[in-house]
Amino acid sequence: MKKGLTFIEILITVLILGLIAILLANILSNFNILFSQKTEERESISNLQTIVDKLTRDIRQGNQVLDISPPTQTLGYLVLSFPSGDQSTYSYSYYNGKYYFTVDGEILAGPIREIRFMGLDDNLTYTTVPSAVRTLSISILMDDGRYISTTVALRSQTIPQIIGIFIREIMYYPAPRDRQGNSISENLMEFVVISNATYSSINLNGWKINGHIISNTLSGTYTVPAQGLAIIGAKGSNLSSHYFIPKNCIILEVSDQYLGQNNNPLGNNGDTVVLQDINNTVVDKVTYDKSWGGQPSGNTYYSLSRKSIQNPSQDPSNWESSKFKNYSLSTPRIDVYCLLPPIVINEIMYYPAPYDKNGRGRNERDIEFIEIYNASNQTVNIQNWQINGNTLVTLASGSWNLSPGSYAVIGGNRSALDRYYNLAQNTTYIRTNSRGLALGRGELSDTAGTVTLADPYGLVFDQVNYSYTWGGYPSSSGNYRYHYSLERKYWDMFPNDPSNWGSSSNLNYSVRVLPLTYNVYCTPGGKNSNSP
């Protein structure tokens, strides 16, 4: 008779099978972990290669860097322009607890831990001037620690400007009388305007106009701020007595009584203006002709004004007679057109509430706004002007012609600010060609950023480098949330003086979205609450 397995034998068999099962499970688990690691590794390599390929391809096709983050910024950004006129922004986005590489706000690859950009000039020397960048050094650190760095050159071209400093305006045939009606010698009415189109301040002490040394300042400084202006006259010219000078323009004088060559006034029919730095290096040079513009017509006098910073200094089509009236006299009848009128950035809603006045949730890009103010004595057409490179294209209400003392409120192309806020009556409301108001079409930074106002040719009228420490940052108390615009106090003070800005104190709307109440303070289309 066959005997069956004993209990002990069954128990031993079960234990052996269990050990085998555990061993197989561990092998399978380790295989899955290894497979997952290899898959993640392949994905990381693929994502890293995608980023490098995209940047390399686009940089080689790009013709100019419009903006670039400092190389110390671990999550940086880059804005490129292309020969077609298009531009792209390369940056990052935060999603589900991780950072991803984006192109024009759209996620392309990731996650990443760092992406750094460094601009190099023709000598492969680090430069902070975007227009001087010819080669880009890029380093990328993926979230898994994988790292790569590379150097890529922009498309070969002639750089339109040397270090971003250029001659912007020339008054070579001035009126015989100044704004006060006084008869003034021609050499004391002539001037040259220099523009600093870089992102760094420039000290002009010791620089030269046609060999005449800049040696006197009537503004207490020789330093032109980033995107700032300097007006330069002859010795003893005291230009602020003769013209209405923009407040963001420092006033300088040379050591001689003439601005022209060989101690002569500037030629009324044609001449050369040479700008040299302290090392006698030619920074910009213009050899103008009367056919370019700047010639008087009857009793109306004009300066010769540059159209675009992107086009060469010696291109006649890049110059014209000034369109902006500076002053008029009735007896004798004289009209003088020169210098930029004060069209200023007046209010910035960079951190709006998430709900409009009707309690409806809004995307931050759609509810942000920027207000500009015409502080001049003339009407200015602002159609196709630009906010951070975003073009003003759609007139929602009001007029393109901004009259003296009037405001324009600017939003993105999906905004409906007249329904989101209580706008002042008869407000001019304009939409741009992009959804966001920041450079690269994104939303304005909630902590610190730049707002640049320029005309259709890229000439900067105003630029504000705001910070949340200036005002405009939200606060809370219990179930109450408070959001503020950042308001300018005085239009004629330096735009980047933090003391000239503050949070709005005017309650525009209050809305309850349970369990919270949102109070929003701003003055879109009207006088700022903190202005005198």
Protein backbone atom coordinates (compact mmCIF):
# COMPACT_ATOMS: atom_id res chain seq x y z
CA MET A 1 0.00 0.00 0.00
CA LYS A 2 1.31 3.50 -1.08
CA LYS A 3 1.86 5.95 1.64
CA GLY A 4 0.97 9.64 1.10
CA LEU A 5 3.12 12.57 2.00
CA THR A 6 3.46 13.28 5.63
CA PHE A 7 2.51 16.61 7.07
CA ILE A 8 6.13 17.58 7.51
CA GLU A 9 6.91 16.74 3.88
CA ILE A 10 3.97 18.87 2.73
CA LEU A 11 5.11 21.71 4.93
CA ILE A 12 8.65 21.51 3.59
CA THR A 13 7.34 21.47 0.00
CA VAL A 14 5.19 24.53 0.63
CA LEU A 15 8.15 26.35 2.17
CA ILE A 16 10.39 25.52 -0.79
CA LEU A 17 7.73 26.66 -3.26
CA GLY A 18 7.25 29.83 -1.23
CA LEU A 19 10.97 30.57 -1.29
CA ILE A 20 11.02 29.95 -5.03
CA ALA A 21 8.03 32.30 -5.47
CA ILE A 22 9.70 34.99 -3.36
CA LEU A 23 12.91 34.61 -5.35
CA LEU A 24 11.00 34.87 -8.63
CA ALA A 25 9.08 37.90 -7.33
CA ASN A 26 12.33 39.61 -6.36
CA ILE A 27 13.84 38.84 -9.73
CA LEU A 28 10.74 40.19 -11.48
CA SER A 29 10.67 43.29 -9.24
CA ASN A 30 14.34 44.01 -9.88
CA PHE A 31 13.76 43.52 -13.57
CA ASN A 32 10.85 45.98 -13.49
CA ILE A 33 12.94 48.49 -11.53
CA LEU A 34 15.82 48.10 -13.98
CA PHE A 35 13.46 48.38 -16.92
CA SER A 36 11.87 51.50 -15.41
CA GLN A 37 15.28 53.04 -14.74
CA LYS A 38 16.41 52.35 -18.27
CA THR A 39 13.16 53.78 -19.63
CA GLU A 40 13.55 56.94 -17.51
CA GLU A 41 17.19 57.15 -18.57
CA ARG A 42 16.22 56.91 -22.23
CA GLU A 43 13.49 59.53 -21.70
CA SER A 44 15.92 61.85 -19.92
CA ILE A 45 18.50 61.47 -22.69
CA SER A 46 15.80 62.01 -25.30
CA ASN A 47 14.47 65.12 -23.51
CA LEU A 48 17.96 66.52 -23.09
CA GLN A 49 18.71 65.94 -26.77
CA THR A 50 15.41 67.56 -27.73
CA ILE A 51 16.32 70.72 -25.78
CA VAL A 52 19.83 70.88 -27.21
CA ASP A 53 18.66 70.26 -30.77
CA LYS A 54 15.93 72.91 -30.54
CA LEU A 55 18.25 75.56 -29.10
CA THR A 56 21.09 74.77 -31.48
CA ARG A 57 18.88 74.85 -34.55
CA ASP A 58 17.10 78.08 -33.59
CA ILE A 59 20.20 79.94 -32.43
CA ARG A 60 21.96 79.17 -35.71
CA GLN A 61 18.97 80.63 -37.56
CA GLY A 62 18.59 83.63 -35.24
CA ASN A 63 20.07 86.98 -36.14
CA GLN A 64 19.93 88.83 -32.82
CA VAL A 65 19.50 88.33 -29.10
CA LEU A 66 16.73 90.61 -27.80
CA ASP A 67 17.00 89.66 -24.14
CA ILE A 68 18.98 87.21 -22.05
CA SER A 69 19.09 86.29 -18.37
CA PRO A 70 22.29 86.65 -16.32
CA PRO A 71 24.43 83.48 -16.35
CA THR A 72 24.05 83.26 -12.57
CA GLN A 73 20.32 82.71 -12.96
CA THR A 74 19.83 78.95 -12.63
CA LEU A 75 16.51 78.96 -14.49
CA GLY A 76 17.18 81.46 -17.25
CA TYR A 77 15.56 82.77 -20.39
CA LEU A 78 16.56 83.79 -23.90
CA VAL A 79 14.69 85.85 -26.51
CA LEU A 80 15.81 85.56 -30.14
CA SER A 81 14.78 87.40 -33.28
CA PHE A 82 14.95 85.89 -36.76
CA PRO A 83 15.49 87.37 -40.23
CA SER A 84 11.78 86.84 -40.92
CA GLY A 85 10.92 89.32 -38.16
CA ASP A 86 9.58 86.60 -35.85
CA GLN A 87 10.88 86.12 -32.34
CA SER A 88 10.89 83.25 -29.84
CA THR A 89 11.34 83.01 -26.09
CA TYR A 90 13.12 80.05 -24.49
CA SER A 91 12.48 79.69 -20.80
CA TYR A 92 10.89 77.36 -18.26
CA SER A 93 7.54 76.56 -16.68
CA TYR A 94 6.59 75.06 -13.31
CA TYR A 95 4.21 72.10 -13.59
CA ASN A 96 3.27 69.39 -11.07
CA GLY A 97 6.16 70.25 -8.80
CA LYS A 98 8.82 70.22 -11.52
CA TYR A 99 10.37 72.66 -14.01
CA TYR A 100 10.12 72.13 -17.76
CA PHE A 101 11.80 73.74 -20.76
CA THR A 102 9.40 75.92 -22.77
CA VAL A 103 9.39 77.63 -26.15
CA ASP A 104 7.03 80.62 -26.35
CA GLY A 105 5.31 79.40 -23.21
CA GLU A 106 4.67 75.85 -24.47
CA ILE A 107 6.33 72.92 -22.66
CA LEU A 108 8.75 71.11 -24.96
CA ALA A 109 10.78 68.79 -22.72
CA GLY A 110 11.86 68.10 -19.16
CA PRO A 111 11.88 68.01 -16.25
CA ILE A 112 14.95 70.21 -15.78
CA ARG A 113 16.79 71.48 -12.72
CA GLU A 114 18.82 74.23 -14.38
CA ILE A 115 19.13 76.00 -17.73
CA ARG A 116 21.67 78.80 -18.01
CA PHE A 117 22.49 81.19 -20.85
CA MET A 118 25.61 83.30 -21.25
CA GLY A 119 26.16 85.80 -24.08
CA LEU A 120 29.56 86.20 -25.73
CA ASP A 121 30.62 88.96 -28.12
CA ASP A 122 32.76 88.73 -31.25
CA ASN A 123 35.85 88.22 -29.07
CA LEU A 124 34.11 85.43 -27.13
CA THR A 125 34.07 87.73 -24.10
CA TYR A 126 31.12 87.72 -21.74
CA THR A 127 28.76 90.64 -22.44
CA THR A 128 25.60 91.93 -20.76
CA VAL A 129 24.50 93.79 -23.90
CA PRO A 130 21.98 91.65 -25.85
CA SER A 131 22.67 93.39 -29.17
CA ALA A 132 26.40 92.59 -28.84
CA VAL A 133 25.88 88.83 -28.34
CA ARG A 134 27.21 86.76 -31.24
CA THR A 135 27.69 83.41 -29.50
CA LEU A 136 25.72 81.70 -26.75
CA SER A 137 27.04 79.36 -24.09
CA ILE A 138 24.28 77.07 -22.79
CA SER A 139 24.30 74.63 -19.88
CA ILE A 140 21.43 72.29 -19.02
CA LEU A 141 21.01 70.14 -15.90
CA MET A 142 18.18 67.62 -16.06
CA ASP A 143 16.18 66.64 -13.01
CA ASP A 144 17.99 63.28 -12.82
CA GLY A 145 21.40 64.97 -12.71
CA ARG A 146 22.25 64.48 -16.38
CA TYR A 147 24.23 67.52 -17.61
CA ILE A 148 25.40 69.01 -20.88
CA SER A 149 26.92 72.29 -22.00
CA THR A 150 27.44 73.62 -25.49
CA THR A 151 28.36 76.78 -27.39
CA VAL A 152 26.42 77.93 -30.45
CA ALA A 153 27.01 80.94 -32.73
CA LEU A 154 24.24 83.11 -34.13
CA ARG A 155 23.72 83.44 -37.84
CA SER A 156 26.52 85.55 -39.33
CA GLN A 157 25.52 89.13 -40.01
CA THR A 158 26.62 92.74 -39.73
CA ILE A 159 25.79 93.99 -36.28
CA PRO A 160 23.80 97.20 -36.66
CA GLN A 161 25.11 98.85 -33.52
CA ILE A 162 28.37 99.00 -31.63
CA ILE A 163 27.75 98.08 -27.97
CA GLY A 164 24.23 99.49 -28.17
CA ILE A 165 25.10 103.21 -27.86
CA PHE A 166 24.01 105.32 -30.81
CA ILE A 167 23.30 108.80 -32.10
CA ARG A 168 19.54 109.27 -31.96
CA GLU A 169 18.83 112.88 -32.90
CA ILE A 170 20.69 115.88 -34.35
CA MET A 171 19.55 119.49 -34.24
CA TYR A 172 21.81 120.92 -36.94
CA TYR A 173 19.56 123.76 -38.20
CA PRO A 174 17.94 125.26 -35.09
CA ALA A 175 15.41 128.07 -34.81
CA PRO A 176 16.73 131.58 -34.19
CA ARG A 177 14.75 131.89 -30.95
CA ASP A 178 14.38 129.52 -28.00
CA ARG A 179 11.20 128.49 -26.16
CA GLN A 180 11.28 131.72 -24.13
CA GLY A 181 11.45 133.88 -27.25
CA ASN A 182 15.08 134.86 -26.71
CA SER A 183 17.38 135.27 -29.71
CA ILE A 184 20.14 132.68 -29.28
CA SER A 185 23.27 131.99 -31.32
CA GLU A 186 23.02 128.96 -33.60
CA ASN A 187 25.91 127.11 -31.93
CA LEU A 188 24.15 127.32 -28.53
CA MET A 189 20.88 125.94 -29.95
CA GLU A 190 22.44 122.90 -31.63
CA PHE A 191 22.42 119.53 -29.88
CA VAL A 192 23.04 115.81 -30.34
CA VAL A 193 21.02 113.16 -28.49
CA ILE A 194 22.72 109.91 -27.51
CA SER A 195 20.67 106.81 -26.65
CA ASN A 196 21.82 104.00 -24.39
CA ALA A 197 20.00 100.95 -25.77
CA THR A 198 21.86 98.55 -23.47
CA TYR A 199 20.77 97.06 -20.15
CA SER A 200 23.63 98.71 -18.28
CA SER A 201 24.33 102.31 -17.33
CA ILE A 202 27.04 104.16 -19.29
CA ASN A 203 29.28 106.97 -18.00
CA LEU A 204 29.85 109.54 -20.79
CA ASN A 205 32.39 111.64 -18.92
CA GLY A 206 35.37 112.10 -21.27
CA TRP A 207 33.53 110.83 -24.36
CA LYS A 208 33.70 113.03 -27.45
CA ILE A 209 31.41 114.56 -30.07
CA ASN A 210 33.48 115.40 -33.17
CA GLY A 211 36.55 115.50 -30.95
CA HIS A 212 34.96 117.85 -28.40
CA ILE A 213 35.27 116.35 -24.92
CA ILE A 214 32.13 115.95 -22.81
CA SER A 215 33.25 117.74 -19.66
CA ASN A 216 30.24 119.34 -17.98
CA THR A 217 26.93 118.05 -16.69
CA LEU A 218 23.86 120.08 -15.81
CA SER A 219 22.12 117.01 -14.36
CA GLY A 220 24.53 116.17 -11.57
CA THR A 221 25.71 113.03 -13.34
CA TYR A 222 27.42 111.84 -16.51
CA THR A 223 25.80 108.42 -16.25
CA VAL A 224 23.07 107.49 -18.71
CA PRO A 225 20.87 104.73 -17.27
CA ALA A 226 19.91 101.65 -19.23
CA GLN A 227 17.54 102.63 -22.06
CA GLY A 228 18.18 106.28 -21.12
CA LEU A 229 19.10 109.39 -23.09
CA ALA A 230 21.67 112.17 -22.99
CA ILE A 231 21.36 115.50 -24.79
CA ILE A 232 24.68 117.14 -25.54
CA GLY A 233 25.22 120.80 -26.35
CA ALA A 234 28.12 123.20 -26.74
CA LYS A 235 29.88 124.84 -23.84
CA GLY A 236 27.55 127.27 -22.06
CA SER A 237 24.53 126.23 -24.15
CA ASN A 238 22.26 125.58 -21.15
CA LEU A 239 19.84 123.64 -23.35
CA SER A 240 17.13 123.35 -20.69
CA SER A 241 16.55 127.10 -21.07
CA HIS A 242 16.05 126.74 -24.82
CA TYR A 243 14.02 123.52 -25.13
CA PHE A 244 11.64 121.41 -23.07
CA ILE A 245 13.97 118.51 -22.19
CA PRO A 246 12.48 115.09 -21.33
CA LYS A 247 12.95 114.28 -17.64
CA ASN A 248 14.63 110.95 -18.44
CA CYS A 249 17.32 112.76 -20.46
CA ILE A 250 20.52 113.95 -18.76
CA ILE A 251 22.00 117.24 -20.03
CA LEU A 252 25.69 117.42 -20.89
CA GLU A 253 28.03 119.93 -22.51
CA VAL A 254 31.32 119.64 -24.36
CA SER A 255 34.42 121.67 -23.55
CA ASP A 256 34.17 123.83 -26.69
CA GLN A 257 31.65 126.35 -27.98
CA TYR A 258 30.81 124.32 -31.10
CA LEU A 259 29.65 120.79 -31.87
CA GLY A 260 30.81 120.72 -35.49
CA GLN A 261 34.20 119.75 -36.78
CA ASN A 262 37.10 122.22 -36.79
CA ASN A 263 35.33 124.42 -34.19
CA ASN A 264 32.39 125.23 -36.45
CA PRO A 265 28.64 124.90 -35.96
CA LEU A 266 27.06 121.79 -37.45
CA GLY A 267 26.53 122.19 -41.20
CA ASN A 268 23.05 123.25 -42.27
CA ASN A 269 23.25 121.29 -45.53
CA GLY A 270 25.23 118.28 -44.41
CA ASP A 271 27.98 117.27 -42.01
CA THR A 272 29.41 114.43 -39.96
CA VAL A 273 28.77 113.65 -36.29
CA VAL A 274 31.21 111.22 -34.66
CA LEU A 275 30.69 109.75 -31.18
CA GLN A 276 33.85 108.39 -29.51
CA ASP A 277 34.31 106.76 -26.13
CA ILE A 278 36.99 107.66 -23.59
CA ASN A 279 39.50 105.46 -25.49
CA ASN A 280 38.81 107.33 -28.75
CA THR A 281 37.03 104.31 -30.20
CA VAL A 282 34.33 105.32 -32.66
CA VAL A 283 31.02 104.16 -31.17
CA ASP A 284 28.70 105.67 -33.80
CA LYS A 285 29.06 107.94 -36.81
CA VAL A 286 26.48 109.74 -38.94
CA THR A 287 27.28 111.64 -42.12
CA TYR A 288 23.96 113.32 -42.83
CA ASP A 289 22.63 115.28 -45.77
CA LYS A 290 19.85 117.87 -45.84
CA SER A 291 17.79 115.46 -47.96
CA TRP A 292 17.56 113.12 -44.93
CA GLY A 293 15.40 115.59 -42.98
CA GLY A 294 15.91 118.28 -40.38
CA GLN A 295 15.50 121.19 -42.82
CA PRO A 296 13.22 124.10 -41.87
CA SER A 297 10.03 124.82 -43.77
CA GLY A 298 9.08 128.46 -43.50
CA ASN A 299 8.96 129.27 -39.79
CA THR A 300 8.87 125.61 -38.75
CA TYR A 301 12.13 124.01 -37.62
CA TYR A 302 12.94 120.32 -37.17
CA SER A 303 15.63 118.14 -35.71
CA LEU A 304 16.91 115.14 -37.67
CA SER A 305 15.51 112.10 -35.89
CA ARG A 306 16.48 108.44 -36.16
CA LYS A 307 13.67 105.99 -36.90
CA SER A 308 15.03 102.62 -35.79
CA ILE A 309 17.89 101.34 -33.65
CA GLN A 310 17.95 98.17 -35.75
CA ASN A 311 18.87 99.88 -39.02
CA PRO A 312 22.30 101.32 -39.90
CA SER A 313 23.31 104.85 -38.96
CA GLN A 314 24.25 105.61 -42.57
CA ASP A 315 20.93 104.54 -44.08
CA PRO A 316 19.20 107.75 -45.27
CA SER A 317 15.80 106.04 -45.04
CA ASN A 318 16.43 105.52 -41.31
CA TRP A 319 16.22 109.27 -40.66
CA GLU A 320 13.45 111.85 -40.86
CA SER A 321 12.38 115.24 -39.58
CA SER A 322 11.08 115.03 -36.02
CA LYS A 323 7.31 114.58 -35.69
CA PHE A 324 7.06 115.92 -32.15
CA LYS A 325 6.46 119.57 -31.37
CA ASN A 326 8.65 120.90 -28.56
CA TYR A 327 7.55 124.56 -28.45
CA SER A 328 5.78 127.32 -30.36
CA LEU A 329 6.08 131.11 -30.38
CA SER A 330 3.35 133.45 -31.54
CA THR A 331 5.50 136.56 -32.06
CA PRO A 332 7.40 135.98 -34.22
CA ARG A 333 5.59 132.83 -35.36
CA ILE A 334 7.93 129.84 -34.83
CA ASP A 335 7.22 126.12 -34.38
CA VAL A 336 10.01 123.76 -33.33
CA TYR A 337 9.80 119.98 -33.63
CA CYS A 338 12.40 117.96 -31.71
CA LEU A 339 13.00 115.61 -28.78
CA LEU A 340 10.64 112.89 -27.59
CA PRO A 341 7.44 113.91 -25.84
CA PRO A 342 6.90 112.45 -22.35
CA ILE A 343 4.67 109.43 -22.97
CA VAL A 344 5.20 107.42 -19.79
CA ILE A 345 4.33 104.12 -18.14
CA ASN A 346 1.95 105.21 -15.39
CA GLU A 347 0.42 102.10 -13.80
CA ILE A 348 1.20 98.37 -13.80
CA MET A 349 -1.16 95.61 -12.66
CA TYR A 350 1.42 92.82 -12.49
CA TYR A 351 -0.24 90.66 -9.79
CA PRO A 352 -4.01 90.84 -10.39
CA ALA A 353 -6.74 89.09 -8.45
CA PRO A 354 -7.82 85.70 -9.84
CA TYR A 355 -11.41 86.96 -10.19
CA ASP A 356 -12.84 89.94 -12.07
CA LYS A 357 -15.40 92.39 -10.71
CA ASN A 358 -18.19 89.92 -11.58
CA GLY A 359 -16.63 87.10 -9.59
CA ARG A 360 -15.54 85.12 -12.63
CA GLY A 361 -12.16 83.41 -12.63
CA ARG A 362 -9.66 84.81 -15.13
CA ASN A 363 -6.28 83.73 -16.47
CA GLU A 364 -3.63 86.06 -15.07
CA ARG A 365 -2.45 87.08 -18.54
CA ASP A 366 -5.97 88.23 -19.44
CA ILE A 367 -6.53 90.43 -16.39
CA GLU A 368 -3.13 92.13 -16.21
CA PHE A 369 -2.87 95.65 -17.61
CA ILE A 370 -0.45 98.50 -18.20
CA GLU A 371 -1.51 102.13 -18.32
CA ILE A 372 0.38 104.84 -20.21
CA TYR A 373 -0.01 108.60 -19.84
CA ASN A 374 0.57 111.45 -22.29
CA ALA A 375 2.29 114.12 -20.21
CA SER A 376 3.20 116.19 -23.28
CA ASN A 377 1.52 119.24 -24.81
CA GLN A 378 0.60 117.49 -28.05
CA THR A 379 -1.51 114.64 -29.39
CA VAL A 380 0.47 111.49 -30.18
CA ASN A 381 -0.69 108.56 -32.31
CA ILE A 382 0.23 105.32 -30.54
CA GLN A 383 -1.01 102.78 -33.10
CA ASN A 384 1.54 99.96 -33.55
CA TRP A 385 3.55 101.08 -30.55
CA GLN A 386 4.93 98.26 -28.42
CA ILE A 387 4.79 97.08 -24.82
CA ASN A 388 7.69 94.68 -24.22
CA GLY A 389 7.77 93.94 -27.94
CA ASN A 390 4.02 93.22 -28.06
CA THR A 391 2.40 95.46 -30.67
CA LEU A 392 -0.67 97.60 -29.96
CA VAL A 393 -3.00 96.45 -32.75
CA THR A 394 -6.65 96.49 -31.61
CA LEU A 395 -8.50 99.60 -30.48
CA ALA A 396 -11.27 98.37 -28.17
CA SER A 397 -12.44 101.85 -27.19
CA GLY A 398 -11.29 105.46 -27.39
CA SER A 399 -8.79 106.74 -29.94
CA TRP A 400 -5.33 105.92 -31.25
CA ASN A 401 -4.59 109.64 -30.93
CA LEU A 402 -3.63 110.12 -27.31
CA SER A 403 -4.37 113.73 -26.43
CA PRO A 404 -2.39 115.74 -23.84
CA GLY A 405 -3.16 114.63 -20.29
CA SER A 406 -4.98 111.46 -21.36
CA TYR A 407 -4.49 107.79 -20.56
CA ALA A 408 -4.51 104.48 -22.45
CA VAL A 409 -5.06 101.12 -20.77
CA ILE A 410 -3.38 98.18 -22.48
CA GLY A 411 -4.20 94.48 -22.16
CA GLY A 412 -3.51 91.23 -23.99
CA ASN A 413 -5.40 90.01 -27.05
CA ARG A 414 -7.82 87.88 -25.00
CA SER A 415 -8.50 90.52 -22.37
CA ALA A 416 -11.80 92.32 -21.77
CA LEU A 417 -10.62 94.89 -19.26
CA ASP A 418 -13.76 96.98 -19.69
CA ARG A 419 -15.71 94.04 -18.22
CA TYR A 420 -13.10 93.00 -15.63
CA TYR A 421 -12.52 96.42 -14.02
CA ASN A 422 -14.39 99.67 -13.54
CA LEU A 423 -12.57 101.75 -16.16
CA ALA A 424 -12.70 105.53 -16.08
CA GLN A 425 -15.26 107.09 -18.44
CA ASN A 426 -14.17 107.44 -22.09
CA THR A 427 -11.03 105.40 -21.45
CA THR A 428 -8.86 104.46 -24.40
CA TYR A 429 -8.48 100.68 -24.16
CA ILE A 430 -6.09 98.85 -26.50
CA ARG A 431 -5.21 95.19 -26.98
CA THR A 432 -1.83 93.90 -28.11
CA ASN A 433 -1.14 91.15 -30.64
CA SER A 434 -0.30 88.61 -27.91
CA ARG A 435 -2.02 87.21 -24.87
CA GLY A 436 0.61 88.17 -22.32
CA LEU A 437 2.18 91.60 -21.75
CA ALA A 438 5.65 90.41 -20.78
CA LEU A 439 8.57 90.05 -23.15
CA GLY A 440 8.03 86.78 -25.00
CA ARG A 441 4.23 87.04 -24.65
CA GLY A 442 4.03 85.56 -21.18
CA GLU A 443 2.49 87.00 -18.03
CA LEU A 444 4.16 89.81 -16.11
CA SER A 445 6.38 88.62 -13.29
CA ASP A 446 4.74 88.66 -9.85
CA THR A 447 7.99 89.69 -8.15
CA ALA A 448 10.18 91.79 -10.46
CA GLY A 449 10.19 92.59 -14.16
CA THR A 450 10.66 95.12 -16.92
CA VAL A 451 8.05 97.09 -18.84
CA THR A 452 9.30 98.87 -21.96
CA LEU A 453 7.27 101.32 -24.04
CA ALA A 454 8.57 101.85 -27.58
CA ASP A 455 7.32 103.32 -30.84
CA PRO A 456 6.82 101.22 -34.01
CA TYR A 457 10.53 101.61 -34.86
CA GLY A 458 11.72 100.31 -31.50
CA LEU A 459 12.73 103.69 -30.05
CA VAL A 460 12.18 103.52 -26.31
CA PHE A 461 10.00 106.23 -24.76
CA ASP A 462 9.96 104.81 -21.23
CA GLN A 463 11.16 101.76 -19.33
CA VAL A 464 10.38 100.65 -15.79
CA ASN A 465 12.27 97.89 -13.95
CA TYR A 466 9.74 97.27 -11.20
CA SER A 467 10.02 95.17 -8.03
CA TYR A 468 7.40 93.88 -5.62
CA THR A 469 9.20 95.94 -2.94
CA TRP A 470 7.98 99.11 -4.72
CA GLY A 471 4.32 98.20 -4.18
CA GLY A 472 1.60 96.35 -6.04
CA TYR A 473 2.09 93.08 -4.13
CA PRO A 474 -1.03 91.43 -2.67
CA SER A 475 -1.78 90.97 1.03
CA SER A 476 -4.34 89.07 3.07
CA SER A 477 -6.17 89.15 6.38
CA GLY A 478 -8.41 86.27 7.40
CA ASN A 479 -10.81 85.64 4.52
CA TYR A 480 -9.95 88.91 2.81
CA ARG A 481 -7.52 89.19 -0.10
CA TYR A 482 -6.15 92.54 -1.23
CA HIS A 483 -4.68 93.12 -4.71
CA TYR A 484 -3.10 96.39 -5.85
CA SER A 485 -1.77 97.95 -9.01
CA LEU A 486 1.64 99.64 -8.93
CA GLU A 487 1.12 103.38 -9.48
CA ARG A 488 3.55 106.09 -10.54
CA LYS A 489 3.51 109.22 -8.38
CA TYR A 490 5.21 111.85 -10.58
CA TRP A 491 5.52 111.49 -14.35
CA ASP A 492 8.50 113.86 -14.46
CA MET A 493 10.65 111.93 -11.98
CA PHE A 494 13.13 109.23 -12.97
CA PRO A 495 11.11 106.12 -13.92
CA ASN A 496 13.22 103.68 -11.88
CA ASP A 497 13.22 105.56 -8.60
CA PRO A 498 11.45 103.18 -6.16
CA SER A 499 10.22 106.16 -4.11
CA ASN A 500 8.27 107.34 -7.17
CA TRP A 501 6.01 104.27 -7.08
CA GLY A 502 3.52 102.78 -4.66
CA SER A 503 0.45 100.58 -4.25
CA SER A 504 -2.86 102.03 -5.37
CA SER A 505 -5.22 103.14 -2.58
CA ASN A 506 -8.33 103.43 -4.78
CA LEU A 507 -10.83 100.57 -4.38
CA ASN A 508 -11.86 99.64 -7.91
CA TYR A 509 -14.04 96.66 -7.01
CA SER A 510 -14.81 94.18 -4.25
CA VAL A 511 -16.15 90.73 -5.00
CA ARG A 512 -16.98 87.76 -2.80
CA VAL A 513 -16.08 84.26 -3.95
CA LEU A 514 -16.88 82.06 -0.98
CA PRO A 515 -15.27 81.80 1.41
CA LEU A 516 -13.03 84.71 0.34
CA THR A 517 -13.56 88.38 -0.43
CA TYR A 518 -11.28 90.05 -2.97
CA ASN A 519 -10.66 93.80 -2.78
CA VAL A 520 -8.89 95.22 -5.84
CA TYR A 521 -7.24 98.65 -5.80
CA CYS A 522 -6.31 100.38 -9.06
CA THR A 523 -7.13 103.39 -11.28
CA PRO A 524 -7.19 102.17 -14.91
CA GLY A 525 -7.82 105.09 -17.26
CA GLY A 526 -7.79 107.74 -14.53
CA LYS A 527 -5.48 109.77 -12.29
CA ASN A 528 -3.39 107.66 -9.96
CA SER A 529 -4.52 107.61 -6.34
CA ASN A 530 -1.05 108.51 -5.05
CA SER A 531 -0.37 111.32 -7.54
CA PRO A 532 -0.53 114.90 -6.21
